[in-house]
């Protein structure tokens, strides 16, 4: 996953955790607006989420953040 997308995803996880607590779940769609204006980034996130890490549709934001940070 490219660095800019990884940084954005970490920021989204941080925001969700701050607003809703450590148990909050999210999907990779949370990293994007509600329109498909960057299909290549969406596919990159989907591949990282589904194919590389075998995550379920919703995962705990804390788990996703930890995985993202491990790849830095």
PDB file of N, CA and C in Angstrom:
ATOM      1  N   UNK A   1       0.850  -1.175   0.000  1.00  0.00           N
ATOM      2  CA  UNK A   1       0.000   0.000   0.000  1.00  0.00           C
ATOM      3  C   UNK A   1       0.897   1.241   0.000  1.00  0.00           C
ATOM      4  N   UNK A   2       0.588   2.165  -0.856  1.00  0.00           N
ATOM      5  CA  UNK A   2       1.399   3.386  -0.945  1.00  0.00           C
ATOM      6  C   UNK A   2       1.331   4.183   0.360  1.00  0.00           C
ATOM      7  N   UNK A   3       2.388   4.920   0.617  1.00  0.00           N
ATOM      8  CA  UNK A   3       2.559   5.644   1.880  1.00  0.00           C
ATOM      9  C   UNK A   3       1.405   6.621   2.140  1.00  0.00           C
ATOM     10  N   UNK A   4       0.991   7.365   1.135  1.00  0.00           N
ATOM     11  CA  UNK A   4      -0.066   8.373   1.331  1.00  0.00           C
ATOM     12  C   UNK A   4      -1.387   7.721   1.747  1.00  0.00           C
ATOM     13  N   UNK A   5      -1.713   6.582   1.153  1.00  0.00           N
ATOM     14  CA  UNK A   5      -2.943   5.881   1.516  1.00  0.00           C
ATOM     15  C   UNK A   5      -2.830   5.292   2.914  1.00  0.00           C
ATOM     16  N   UNK A   6      -1.662   4.761   3.237  1.00  0.00           N
ATOM     17  CA  UNK A   6      -1.424   4.208   4.576  1.00  0.00           C
ATOM     18  C   UNK A   6      -1.592   5.304   5.641  1.00  0.00           C
ATOM     19  N   UNK A   7      -1.028   6.472   5.392  1.00  0.00           N
ATOM     20  CA  UNK A   7      -1.130   7.584   6.348  1.00  0.00           C
ATOM     21  C   UNK A   7      -2.587   8.037   6.511  1.00  0.00           C
ATOM     22  N   UNK A   8      -3.318   8.106   5.401  1.00  0.00           N
ATOM     23  CA  UNK A   8      -4.732   8.495   5.464  1.00  0.00           C
ATOM     24  C   UNK A   8      -5.528   7.460   6.246  1.00  0.00           C
ATOM     25  N   UNK A   9      -5.254   6.187   6.017  1.00  0.00           N
ATOM     26  CA  UNK A   9      -5.975   5.110   6.703  1.00  0.00           C
ATOM     27  C   UNK A   9      -5.699   5.143   8.210  1.00  0.00           C
ATOM     28  N   UNK A  10      -4.465   5.406   8.594  1.00  0.00           N
ATOM     29  CA  UNK A  10      -4.121   5.525  10.014  1.00  0.00           C
ATOM     30  C   UNK A  10      -4.876   6.691  10.639  1.00  0.00           C
ATOM     31  N   UNK A  11      -4.946   7.811   9.933  1.00  0.00           N
ATOM     32  CA  UNK A  11      -5.678   8.978  10.435  1.00  0.00           C
ATOM     33  C   UNK A  11      -7.168   8.666  10.602  1.00  0.00           C
ATOM     34  N   UNK A  12      -7.748   7.924   9.659  1.00  0.00           N
ATOM     35  CA  UNK A  12      -9.157   7.532   9.760  1.00  0.00           C
ATOM     36  C   UNK A  12      -9.356   6.638  10.979  1.00  0.00           C
ATOM     37  N   UNK A  13      -8.464   5.682  11.176  1.00  0.00           N
ATOM     38  CA  UNK A  13      -8.551   4.799  12.345  1.00  0.00           C
ATOM     39  C   UNK A  13      -8.456   5.615  13.631  1.00  0.00           C
ATOM     40  N   UNK A  14      -7.501   6.534  13.694  1.00  0.00           N
ATOM     41  CA  UNK A  14      -7.347   7.388  14.876  1.00  0.00           C
ATOM     42  C   UNK A  14      -8.623   8.168  15.168  1.00  0.00           C
ATOM     43  N   UNK A  15      -9.218   8.728  14.118  1.00  0.00           N
ATOM     44  CA  UNK A  15     -10.444   9.510  14.279  1.00  0.00           C
ATOM     45  C   UNK A  15     -11.589   8.646  14.785  1.00  0.00           C
ATOM     46  N   UNK A  16     -11.767   7.480  14.181  1.00  0.00           N
ATOM     47  CA  UNK A  16     -12.852   6.582  14.604  1.00  0.00           C
ATOM     48  C   UNK A  16     -12.672   6.146  16.050  1.00  0.00           C
ATOM     49  N   UNK A  17     -11.443   5.794  16.433  1.00  0.00           N
ATOM     50  CA  UNK A  17     -11.164   5.364  17.803  1.00  0.00           C
ATOM     51  C   UNK A  17     -11.421   6.505  18.777  1.00  0.00           C
ATOM     52  N   UNK A  18     -10.993   7.712  18.434  1.00  0.00           N
ATOM     53  CA  UNK A  18     -11.186   8.875  19.305  1.00  0.00           C
ATOM     54  C   UNK A  18     -12.669   9.183  19.503  1.00  0.00           C
ATOM     55  N   UNK A  19     -13.459   9.038  18.434  1.00  0.00           N
ATOM     56  CA  UNK A  19     -14.881   9.367  18.521  1.00  0.00           C
ATOM     57  C   UNK A  19     -15.736   8.264  19.122  1.00  0.00           C
ATOM     58  N   UNK A  20     -15.354   6.985  18.882  1.00  0.00           N
ATOM     59  CA  UNK A  20     -16.256   5.890  19.261  1.00  0.00           C
ATOM     60  C   UNK A  20     -15.633   4.836  20.162  1.00  0.00           C
ATOM     61  N   UNK A  21     -14.357   4.985  20.499  1.00  0.00           N
ATOM     62  CA  UNK A  21     -13.727   4.042  21.419  1.00  0.00           C
ATOM     63  C   UNK A  21     -12.969   2.924  20.732  1.00  0.00           C
ATOM     64  N   UNK A  22     -12.236   2.166  21.548  1.00  0.00           N
ATOM     65  CA  UNK A  22     -11.353   1.113  21.036  1.00  0.00           C
ATOM     66  C   UNK A  22     -12.074  -0.033  20.341  1.00  0.00           C
ATOM     67  N   UNK A  23     -13.333  -0.225  20.621  1.00  0.00           N
ATOM     68  CA  UNK A  23     -14.061  -1.364  20.046  1.00  0.00           C
ATOM     69  C   UNK A  23     -14.704  -1.056  18.690  1.00  0.00           C
ATOM     70  N   UNK A  24     -14.532   0.152  18.185  1.00  0.00           N
ATOM     71  CA  UNK A  24     -15.185   0.540  16.931  1.00  0.00           C
ATOM     72  C   UNK A  24     -14.618  -0.267  15.761  1.00  0.00           C
ATOM     73  N   UNK A  25     -15.513  -0.660  14.871  1.00  0.00           N
ATOM     74  CA  UNK A  25     -15.119  -1.368  13.670  1.00  0.00           C
ATOM     75  C   UNK A  25     -15.241  -0.462  12.455  1.00  0.00           C
ATOM     76  N   UNK A  26     -14.565  -0.861  11.394  1.00  0.00           N
ATOM     77  CA  UNK A  26     -14.663  -0.127  10.136  1.00  0.00           C
ATOM     78  C   UNK A  26     -14.320  -1.053   8.987  1.00  0.00           C
ATOM     79  N   UNK A  27     -14.620  -0.595   7.785  1.00  0.00           N
ATOM     80  CA  UNK A  27     -14.225  -1.310   6.583  1.00  0.00           C
ATOM     81  C   UNK A  27     -13.283  -0.409   5.795  1.00  0.00           C
ATOM     82  N   UNK A  28     -12.664  -0.941   4.764  1.00  0.00           N
ATOM     83  CA  UNK A  28     -11.739  -0.116   3.982  1.00  0.00           C
ATOM     84  C   UNK A  28     -12.456   1.017   3.260  1.00  0.00           C
ATOM     85  N   UNK A  29     -13.761   0.916   3.114  1.00  0.00           N
ATOM     86  CA  UNK A  29     -14.522   2.012   2.504  1.00  0.00           C
ATOM     87  C   UNK A  29     -14.457   3.285   3.345  1.00  0.00           C
ATOM     88  N   UNK A  30     -14.165   3.168   4.626  1.00  0.00           N
ATOM     89  CA  UNK A  30     -14.065   4.336   5.504  1.00  0.00           C
ATOM     90  C   UNK A  30     -12.922   5.257   5.091  1.00  0.00           C
ATOM     91  N   UNK A  31     -11.987   4.754   4.307  1.00  0.00           N
ATOM     92  CA  UNK A  31     -10.837   5.550   3.889  1.00  0.00           C
ATOM     93  C   UNK A  31     -11.152   6.444   2.696  1.00  0.00           C
ATOM     94  N   UNK A  32     -12.391   6.385   2.190  1.00  0.00           N
ATOM     95  CA  UNK A  32     -12.755   7.090   0.966  1.00  0.00           C
ATOM     96  C   UNK A  32     -14.059   7.862   1.146  1.00  0.00           C
ATOM     97  N   UNK A  33     -14.258   8.847   0.285  1.00  0.00           N
ATOM     98  CA  UNK A  33     -15.524   9.578   0.235  1.00  0.00           C
ATOM     99  C   UNK A  33     -16.590   8.645  -0.339  1.00  0.00           C
ATOM    100  N   UNK A  34     -17.816   9.085  -0.303  1.00  0.00           N
ATOM    101  CA  UNK A  34     -18.928   8.257  -0.784  1.00  0.00           C
ATOM    102  C   UNK A  34     -19.082   8.286  -2.301  1.00  0.00           C
ATOM    103  N   UNK A  35     -18.019   8.639  -2.985  1.00  0.00           N
ATOM    104  CA  UNK A  35     -18.053   8.567  -4.438  1.00  0.00           C
ATOM    105  C   UNK A  35     -16.746   7.928  -4.901  1.00  0.00           C
ATOM    106  N   UNK A  36     -16.799   7.310  -6.024  1.00  0.00           N
ATOM    107  CA  UNK A  36     -15.665   6.560  -6.546  1.00  0.00           C
ATOM    108  C   UNK A  36     -14.804   7.459  -7.426  1.00  0.00           C
ATOM    109  N   UNK A  37     -14.094   8.421  -6.789  1.00  0.00           N
ATOM    110  CA  UNK A  37     -13.293   9.351  -7.578  1.00  0.00           C
ATOM    111  C   UNK A  37     -11.834   8.919  -7.709  1.00  0.00           C
ATOM    112  N   UNK A  38     -11.431   7.852  -7.013  1.00  0.00           N
ATOM    113  CA  UNK A  38     -10.076   7.307  -7.123  1.00  0.00           C
ATOM    114  C   UNK A  38     -10.141   5.774  -7.156  1.00  0.00           C
ATOM    115  N   UNK A  39     -10.622   5.205  -8.263  1.00  0.00           N
ATOM    116  CA  UNK A  39     -10.810   3.752  -8.311  1.00  0.00           C
ATOM    117  C   UNK A  39      -9.522   2.966  -8.102  1.00  0.00           C
ATOM    118  N   UNK A  40      -8.378   3.489  -8.567  1.00  0.00           N
ATOM    119  CA  UNK A  40      -7.129   2.753  -8.382  1.00  0.00           C
ATOM    120  C   UNK A  40      -6.726   2.681  -6.909  1.00  0.00           C
ATOM    121  N   UNK A  41      -6.985   3.751  -6.141  1.00  0.00           N
ATOM    122  CA  UNK A  41      -6.706   3.719  -4.700  1.00  0.00           C
ATOM    123  C   UNK A  41      -7.672   2.793  -3.973  1.00  0.00           C
ATOM    124  N   UNK A  42      -8.922   2.829  -4.384  1.00  0.00           N
ATOM    125  CA  UNK A  42      -9.914   1.933  -3.786  1.00  0.00           C
ATOM    126  C   UNK A  42      -9.514   0.474  -3.995  1.00  0.00           C
ATOM    127  N   UNK A  43      -9.078   0.134  -5.190  1.00  0.00           N
ATOM    128  CA  UNK A  43      -8.660  -1.241  -5.468  1.00  0.00           C
ATOM    129  C   UNK A  43      -7.389  -1.598  -4.697  1.00  0.00           C
ATOM    130  N   UNK A  44      -6.498  -0.644  -4.535  1.00  0.00           N
ATOM    131  CA  UNK A  44      -5.287  -0.881  -3.755  1.00  0.00           C
ATOM    132  C   UNK A  44      -5.635  -1.190  -2.299  1.00  0.00           C
ATOM    133  N   UNK A  45      -6.550  -0.408  -1.740  1.00  0.00           N
ATOM    134  CA  UNK A  45      -6.989  -0.646  -0.359  1.00  0.00           C
ATOM    135  C   UNK A  45      -7.733  -1.980  -0.255  1.00  0.00           C
ATOM    136  N   UNK A  46      -8.569  -2.281  -1.223  1.00  0.00           N
ATOM    137  CA  UNK A  46      -9.318  -3.538  -1.210  1.00  0.00           C
ATOM    138  C   UNK A  46      -8.370  -4.734  -1.272  1.00  0.00           C
ATOM    139  N   UNK A  47      -7.361  -4.670  -2.116  1.00  0.00           N
ATOM    140  CA  UNK A  47      -6.408  -5.776  -2.218  1.00  0.00           C
ATOM    141  C   UNK A  47      -5.649  -5.946  -0.900  1.00  0.00           C
ATOM    142  N   UNK A  48      -5.207  -4.839  -0.314  1.00  0.00           N
ATOM    143  CA  UNK A  48      -4.487  -4.891   0.964  1.00  0.00           C
ATOM    144  C   UNK A  48      -5.378  -5.514   2.039  1.00  0.00           C
ATOM    145  N   UNK A  49      -6.638  -5.085   2.076  1.00  0.00           N
ATOM    146  CA  UNK A  49      -7.592  -5.517   3.104  1.00  0.00           C
ATOM    147  C   UNK A  49      -8.010  -6.983   2.919  1.00  0.00           C
ATOM    148  N   UNK A  50      -8.420  -7.320   1.707  1.00  0.00           N
ATOM    149  CA  UNK A  50      -9.038  -8.622   1.445  1.00  0.00           C
ATOM    150  C   UNK A  50      -8.003  -9.694   1.097  1.00  0.00           C
ATOM    151  N   UNK A  51      -7.163  -9.416   0.135  1.00  0.00           N
ATOM    152  CA  UNK A  51      -6.240 -10.441  -0.357  1.00  0.00           C
ATOM    153  C   UNK A  51      -5.004 -10.597   0.531  1.00  0.00           C
ATOM    154  N   UNK A  52      -4.419  -9.481   0.949  1.00  0.00           N
ATOM    155  CA  UNK A  52      -3.178  -9.557   1.715  1.00  0.00           C
ATOM    156  C   UNK A  52      -3.423  -9.969   3.157  1.00  0.00           C
ATOM    157  N   UNK A  53      -4.413  -9.345   3.806  1.00  0.00           N
ATOM    158  CA  UNK A  53      -4.609  -9.569   5.244  1.00  0.00           C
ATOM    159  C   UNK A  53      -5.821 -10.422   5.580  1.00  0.00           C
ATOM    160  N   UNK A  54      -6.627 -10.763   4.579  1.00  0.00           N
ATOM    161  CA  UNK A  54      -7.792 -11.635   4.795  1.00  0.00           C
ATOM    162  C   UNK A  54      -8.723 -11.109   5.881  1.00  0.00           C
ATOM    163  N   UNK A  55      -8.845  -9.779   5.952  1.00  0.00           N
ATOM    164  CA  UNK A  55      -9.744  -9.167   6.928  1.00  0.00           C
ATOM    165  C   UNK A  55     -11.191  -9.437   6.538  1.00  0.00           C
ATOM    166  N   UNK A  56     -12.068  -9.504   7.549  1.00  0.00           N
ATOM    167  CA  UNK A  56     -13.503  -9.548   7.318  1.00  0.00           C
ATOM    168  C   UNK A  56     -13.958  -8.183   6.818  1.00  0.00           C
ATOM    169  N   UNK A  57     -15.233  -8.091   6.432  1.00  0.00           N
ATOM    170  CA  UNK A  57     -15.732  -6.801   5.929  1.00  0.00           C
ATOM    171  C   UNK A  57     -15.521  -5.697   6.971  1.00  0.00           C
ATOM    172  N   UNK A  58     -15.859  -5.973   8.227  1.00  0.00           N
ATOM    173  CA  UNK A  58     -15.611  -5.016   9.305  1.00  0.00           C
ATOM    174  C   UNK A  58     -14.570  -5.599  10.242  1.00  0.00           C
ATOM    175  N   UNK A  59     -13.605  -4.770  10.601  1.00  0.00           N
ATOM    176  CA  UNK A  59     -12.556  -5.130  11.559  1.00  0.00           C
ATOM    177  C   UNK A  59     -12.427  -4.011  12.575  1.00  0.00           C
ATOM    178  N   UNK A  60     -11.883  -4.333  13.715  1.00  0.00           N
ATOM    179  CA  UNK A  60     -11.639  -3.317  14.741  1.00  0.00           C
ATOM    180  C   UNK A  60     -10.625  -2.312  14.205  1.00  0.00           C
ATOM    181  N   UNK A  61     -10.917  -1.037  14.384  1.00  0.00           N
ATOM    182  CA  UNK A  61     -10.021   0.016  13.907  1.00  0.00           C
ATOM    183  C   UNK A  61      -8.640  -0.111  14.541  1.00  0.00           C
ATOM    184  N   UNK A  62      -8.577  -0.513  15.804  1.00  0.00           N
ATOM    185  CA  UNK A  62      -7.290  -0.660  16.487  1.00  0.00           C
ATOM    186  C   UNK A  62      -6.448  -1.750  15.819  1.00  0.00           C
ATOM    187  N   UNK A  63      -7.069  -2.848  15.393  1.00  0.00           N
ATOM    188  CA  UNK A  63      -6.356  -3.933  14.711  1.00  0.00           C
ATOM    189  C   UNK A  63      -5.841  -3.467  13.353  1.00  0.00           C
ATOM    190  N   UNK A  64      -6.681  -2.744  12.637  1.00  0.00           N
ATOM    191  CA  UNK A  64      -6.291  -2.242  11.316  1.00  0.00           C
ATOM    192  C   UNK A  64      -5.137  -1.256  11.468  1.00  0.00           C
ATOM    193  N   UNK A  65      -5.233  -0.354  12.437  1.00  0.00           N
ATOM    194  CA  UNK A  65      -4.170   0.630  12.657  1.00  0.00           C
ATOM    195  C   UNK A  65      -2.853  -0.067  12.993  1.00  0.00           C
ATOM    196  N   UNK A  66      -2.893  -1.045  13.856  1.00  0.00           N
ATOM    197  CA  UNK A  66      -1.676  -1.784  14.236  1.00  0.00           C
ATOM    198  C   UNK A  66      -1.053  -2.447  12.995  1.00  0.00           C
ATOM    199  N   UNK A  67      -1.872  -3.033  12.155  1.00  0.00           N
ATOM    200  CA  UNK A  67      -1.387  -3.673  10.935  1.00  0.00           C
ATOM    201  C   UNK A  67      -0.799  -2.654   9.985  1.00  0.00           C
ATOM    202  N   UNK A  68      -1.458  -1.516   9.848  1.00  0.00           N
ATOM    203  CA  UNK A  68      -0.940  -0.446   8.982  1.00  0.00           C
ATOM    204  C   UNK A  68       0.409   0.057   9.488  1.00  0.00           C
ATOM    205  N   UNK A  69       0.526   0.264  10.778  1.00  0.00           N
ATOM    206  CA  UNK A  69       1.776   0.777  11.340  1.00  0.00           C
ATOM    207  C   UNK A  69       2.907  -0.234  11.230  1.00  0.00           C
ATOM    208  N   UNK A  70       2.594  -1.508  11.265  1.00  0.00           N
ATOM    209  CA  UNK A  70       3.622  -2.542  11.122  1.00  0.00           C
ATOM    210  C   UNK A  70       4.260  -2.524   9.749  1.00  0.00           C
ATOM    211  N   UNK A  71       3.541  -1.993   8.772  1.00  0.00           N
ATOM    212  CA  UNK A  71       4.050  -1.938   7.400  1.00  0.00           C
ATOM    213  C   UNK A  71       4.844  -0.695   7.081  1.00  0.00           C
ATOM    214  N   UNK A  72       5.013   0.205   8.045  1.00  0.00           N
ATOM    215  CA  UNK A  72       5.766   1.439   7.780  1.00  0.00           C
ATOM    216  C   UNK A  72       7.243   1.198   7.694  1.00  0.00           C
TER     217      UNK A  72
END
